[in-house]
Protein backbone atom coordinates (compact mmCIF):
# COMPACT_ATOMS: atom_id res chain seq x y z
CA MET A 1 58.34 -53.97 18.71
CA GLY A 2 58.66 -51.21 16.17
CA GLY A 3 61.79 -51.15 14.05
CA THR A 4 64.86 -49.32 12.84
CA ILE A 5 64.98 -46.89 9.94
CA THR A 6 67.26 -48.40 7.31
CA ALA A 7 66.69 -45.89 4.50
CA LEU A 8 65.09 -42.54 3.70
CA VAL A 9 64.61 -42.24 -0.07
CA ALA A 10 63.17 -39.28 -1.98
CA GLN A 11 60.27 -40.32 -4.16
CA LYS A 12 60.95 -40.21 -7.90
CA ARG A 13 57.67 -38.58 -8.84
CA ASN A 14 57.52 -36.12 -5.96
CA LYS A 15 60.76 -34.82 -4.50
CA GLU A 16 58.79 -33.23 -1.66
CA ARG A 17 58.00 -36.69 -0.29
CA VAL A 18 60.24 -39.37 1.19
CA ASN A 19 59.81 -43.13 1.46
CA VAL A 20 60.72 -44.50 4.87
CA TYR A 21 62.13 -48.02 5.09
CA ILE A 22 62.13 -49.90 8.37
CA ASP A 23 64.21 -53.03 8.79
CA GLY A 24 64.79 -53.10 5.04
CA GLU A 25 61.10 -52.89 4.09
CA PHE A 26 59.10 -49.92 2.81
CA ALA A 27 56.98 -48.71 5.74
CA PHE A 28 55.31 -45.44 4.74
CA GLY A 29 55.76 -42.11 2.98
CA LEU A 30 56.27 -38.74 4.61
CA ALA A 31 56.42 -35.11 3.57
CA LEU A 32 60.02 -33.97 3.24
CA ILE A 33 59.67 -31.50 6.11
CA GLU A 34 58.67 -34.32 8.46
CA ALA A 35 61.14 -36.84 7.09
CA ALA A 36 63.92 -34.33 7.77
CA LYS A 37 63.32 -34.93 11.49
CA LEU A 38 64.23 -38.62 11.09
CA HIS A 39 67.58 -40.28 10.44
CA LYS A 40 68.91 -43.63 9.34
CA GLY A 41 69.48 -45.98 12.28
CA GLN A 42 66.74 -44.33 14.38
CA HIS A 43 64.48 -46.75 16.22
CA LEU A 44 60.74 -46.12 16.01
CA SER A 45 58.19 -47.71 18.32
CA ASP A 46 54.85 -48.99 17.00
CA GLU A 47 53.21 -45.91 18.51
CA GLU A 48 55.63 -43.55 16.77
CA ILE A 49 55.11 -45.32 13.45
CA GLU A 50 51.33 -45.03 13.75
CA ARG A 51 51.64 -41.36 14.71
CA LEU A 52 53.78 -40.62 11.66
CA LYS A 53 51.39 -42.49 9.38
CA ALA A 54 48.44 -40.55 10.78
CA LEU A 55 50.35 -37.29 10.40
CA ASP A 56 51.12 -38.12 6.80
CA GLU A 57 47.50 -39.01 6.07
CA VAL A 58 46.47 -35.54 7.23
CA GLU A 59 49.12 -33.96 5.00
CA ARG A 60 48.04 -35.98 1.97
CA ALA A 61 44.39 -35.16 2.64
CA HIS A 62 45.32 -31.48 2.99
CA GLU A 63 47.08 -31.50 -0.38
CA ARG A 64 44.10 -33.23 -1.97
CA ALA A 65 41.75 -30.63 -0.48
CA LEU A 66 43.88 -27.73 -1.75
CA HIS A 67 43.81 -29.23 -5.22
CA PHE A 68 40.02 -29.57 -5.02
CA LEU A 69 39.73 -25.94 -3.91
CA SER A 70 41.95 -24.69 -6.72
CA TYR A 71 39.12 -24.95 -9.27
CA ARG A 72 36.54 -22.88 -7.38
CA PRO A 73 35.40 -22.13 -3.81
CA ARG A 74 33.75 -25.06 -2.02
CA SER A 75 31.56 -25.60 0.99
CA SER A 76 33.04 -27.45 3.97
CA GLU A 77 30.75 -30.37 3.27
CA GLU A 78 31.87 -30.60 -0.36
CA VAL A 79 35.48 -30.94 0.75
CA ARG A 80 34.50 -33.40 3.47
CA ARG A 81 32.66 -35.60 0.96
CA ARG A 82 35.49 -35.51 -1.57
CA LEU A 83 38.11 -36.54 1.00
CA ARG A 84 35.95 -39.39 2.24
CA GLU A 85 35.45 -40.55 -1.36
CA LYS A 86 39.24 -40.68 -1.70
CA GLY A 87 39.44 -43.03 1.28
CA PHE A 88 40.79 -40.76 4.01
CA SER A 89 39.78 -41.54 7.58
CA ASP A 90 37.22 -39.42 9.42
CA GLU A 91 39.95 -38.24 11.80
CA ALA A 92 42.15 -37.02 8.95
CA VAL A 93 39.21 -35.40 7.15
CA GLU A 94 38.06 -33.45 10.19
CA ALA A 95 41.61 -32.34 10.95
CA VAL A 96 41.92 -30.95 7.43
CA ILE A 97 38.51 -29.24 7.55
CA GLU A 98 39.44 -27.54 10.83
CA ARG A 99 42.81 -26.48 9.43
CA LEU A 100 41.30 -24.99 6.28
CA GLU A 101 38.56 -23.20 8.18
CA ARG A 102 41.09 -21.76 10.60
CA VAL A 103 43.06 -20.06 7.81
CA GLY A 104 39.93 -18.96 5.92
CA LEU A 105 40.22 -21.30 2.94
CA LEU A 106 36.88 -22.83 3.93
CA ASN A 107 34.06 -20.51 4.93
CA ASP A 108 30.45 -21.52 4.30
CA GLU A 109 29.16 -17.95 4.64
CA ALA A 110 31.60 -16.68 2.00
CA PHE A 111 30.93 -19.70 -0.20
CA ALA A 112 27.15 -19.19 -0.11
CA ARG A 113 27.54 -15.52 -1.03
CA PHE A 114 29.90 -16.46 -3.87
CA TRP A 115 27.46 -19.04 -5.18
CA VAL A 116 24.47 -16.68 -5.15
CA GLU A 117 26.42 -13.79 -6.68
CA ASN A 118 27.90 -16.02 -9.38
CA ARG A 119 24.46 -17.32 -10.33
CA GLU A 120 22.99 -13.83 -10.36
CA ASN A 121 25.76 -12.54 -12.63
CA PHE A 122 25.98 -15.43 -15.08
CA SER A 123 22.96 -17.70 -14.73
CA PRO A 124 20.10 -16.14 -12.71
CA ARG A 125 17.84 -18.61 -10.91
CA SER A 126 14.97 -18.54 -8.48
CA MET A 127 15.43 -18.40 -4.75
CA ARG A 128 13.99 -21.90 -4.55
CA ALA A 129 16.53 -23.24 -7.06
CA LEU A 130 19.43 -21.55 -5.29
CA ARG A 131 18.27 -22.86 -1.93
CA TYR A 132 18.16 -26.38 -3.35
CA GLU A 133 21.66 -26.07 -4.86
CA LEU A 134 23.16 -24.83 -1.61
CA ARG A 135 21.47 -27.58 0.37
CA GLN A 136 22.92 -30.13 -2.03
CA LYS A 137 26.34 -28.71 -1.25
CA GLY A 138 25.79 -29.18 2.45
CA VAL A 139 25.52 -25.51 3.41
CA PRO A 140 23.70 -25.07 6.76
CA GLU A 141 20.17 -23.68 6.54
CA PRO A 142 20.83 -20.44 8.49
CA VAL A 143 23.76 -19.67 6.18
CA ILE A 144 21.56 -20.26 3.12
CA GLU A 145 18.84 -17.95 4.39
CA SER A 146 21.37 -15.23 5.13
CA ALA A 147 22.86 -15.48 1.63
CA LEU A 148 19.41 -15.21 0.03
CA ALA A 149 18.04 -12.52 2.35
CA GLU A 150 18.56 -9.58 -0.02
CA MET A 151 17.79 -11.37 -3.28
CA ASP A 152 15.26 -9.72 -5.60
CA GLU A 153 13.65 -12.71 -7.30
CA GLU A 154 11.70 -10.74 -9.88
CA ASP A 155 14.84 -8.89 -10.91
CA ALA A 156 16.67 -12.23 -11.24
CA ALA A 157 13.87 -13.59 -13.43
CA TYR A 158 13.91 -10.44 -15.56
CA ARG A 159 17.65 -10.68 -16.15
CA ALA A 160 17.41 -14.38 -16.93
CA ALA A 161 14.68 -13.70 -19.47
CA LYS A 162 16.52 -10.72 -20.98
CA ALA A 163 19.54 -12.93 -21.66
CA ARG A 164 17.26 -15.28 -23.59
CA LEU A 165 15.11 -12.62 -25.24
CA ARG A 166 16.88 -12.49 -28.60
CA ARG A 167 15.57 -15.98 -29.44
CA TYR A 168 11.92 -15.00 -29.09
CA GLN A 169 11.70 -11.26 -29.75
CA ASP A 170 10.28 -11.81 -33.27
CA ALA A 171 7.75 -14.44 -32.12
CA ASP A 172 4.03 -13.79 -31.77
CA GLU A 173 2.79 -13.11 -28.26
CA ARG A 174 1.54 -16.65 -27.61
CA THR A 175 4.83 -18.26 -28.64
CA PHE A 176 6.81 -15.58 -26.83
CA ARG A 177 5.00 -16.22 -23.55
CA LYS A 178 5.02 -20.00 -23.89
CA ARG A 179 8.68 -20.52 -24.68
CA LEU A 180 10.18 -17.82 -22.49
CA GLY A 181 7.77 -18.70 -19.68
CA ASP A 182 8.75 -22.38 -19.82
CA TYR A 183 12.40 -21.37 -19.66
CA LEU A 184 11.84 -19.32 -16.49
CA LEU A 185 9.73 -22.03 -14.88
CA ARG A 186 12.52 -24.54 -15.45
CA ARG A 187 14.77 -22.23 -13.49
CA GLY A 188 12.43 -22.46 -10.55
CA PHE A 189 10.64 -19.12 -10.76
CA SER A 190 7.02 -19.08 -9.60
CA TYR A 191 4.07 -18.60 -11.98
CA GLY A 192 3.37 -15.20 -10.45
CA VAL A 193 6.90 -13.93 -10.99
CA VAL A 194 7.02 -15.39 -14.50
CA ARG A 195 3.72 -13.74 -15.44
CA ASP A 196 4.84 -10.31 -14.23
CA VAL A 197 8.19 -10.56 -16.01
CA LEU A 198 6.58 -11.69 -19.27
CA ASP A 199 4.07 -8.81 -19.10
CA ARG A 200 6.94 -6.37 -18.63
CA LEU A 201 9.06 -7.82 -21.42
CA TRP A 202 6.20 -8.10 -23.89
CA VAL A 203 5.47 -4.41 -23.46
CA GLU A 204 9.16 -3.64 -24.04
CA VAL A 205 9.35 -5.84 -27.12
CA SER A 206 6.10 -4.46 -28.54
CA THR A 207 7.14 -0.87 -27.91
CA HIS A 208 10.50 -1.45 -29.54
CA ALA A 209 8.85 -3.07 -32.57
CA THR A 210 6.41 -0.13 -32.89
CA GLU A 211 9.24 2.39 -32.74
CA ASP A 212 11.13 0.49 -35.43
CA ASP A 213 8.06 0.51 -37.68
CA GLU A 214 7.57 4.24 -37.16
CA ASN A 215 11.21 4.95 -37.96
CA LEU A 216 10.94 2.83 -41.09
CA ASN A 217 7.79 4.66 -42.26
CA PHE A 218 9.40 8.03 -41.52
CA GLY A 219 12.34 7.09 -43.69
CA MET A 220 10.02 6.14 -46.55
CA ASP A 221 8.29 9.52 -46.42
């Protein structure tokens, strides 16, 4: 069976891809680099056609994965899920995952470190919350534990609260503790950590307020 290539036509929307026609009918698309190995009048067996289609599926999945990775680093499982959602076969997906891991574009250890560091710098959360997020992204448990091994949870809670402090620094102690404490609890910090951080911050806020009052009185004298 099989058939004869009757035309190789560059795609209008993507000049890096070529449409392959067999016996006058569109058969499949190929990346230009692969299509360059073919020629008009060449006979392709059914097996060769299936091989080229499978090869092209891997290339299309690879391009889709690179696009997905262009926004931010991803875990291997995130990329795997996305490609499956787009309808690629398990064989093509696993081939792409292996290819990306081999060149270092997918690395769960590096991804987990990136995720933890990014959260700590811009949106501090509890160890429990970070563990949950990484699990949701399919990061293996040993990798998660390694990424969280050196995390100082009380320091993370303190920085999270400090970033929010301006909203409550003029509140009375009860309101201060309630609102800022609820905020930290929503980020997954334990009651013990929240209590210690609030104690520390209330002392800082109170001391600062006292110093401001003393400076004001000194100026009036």
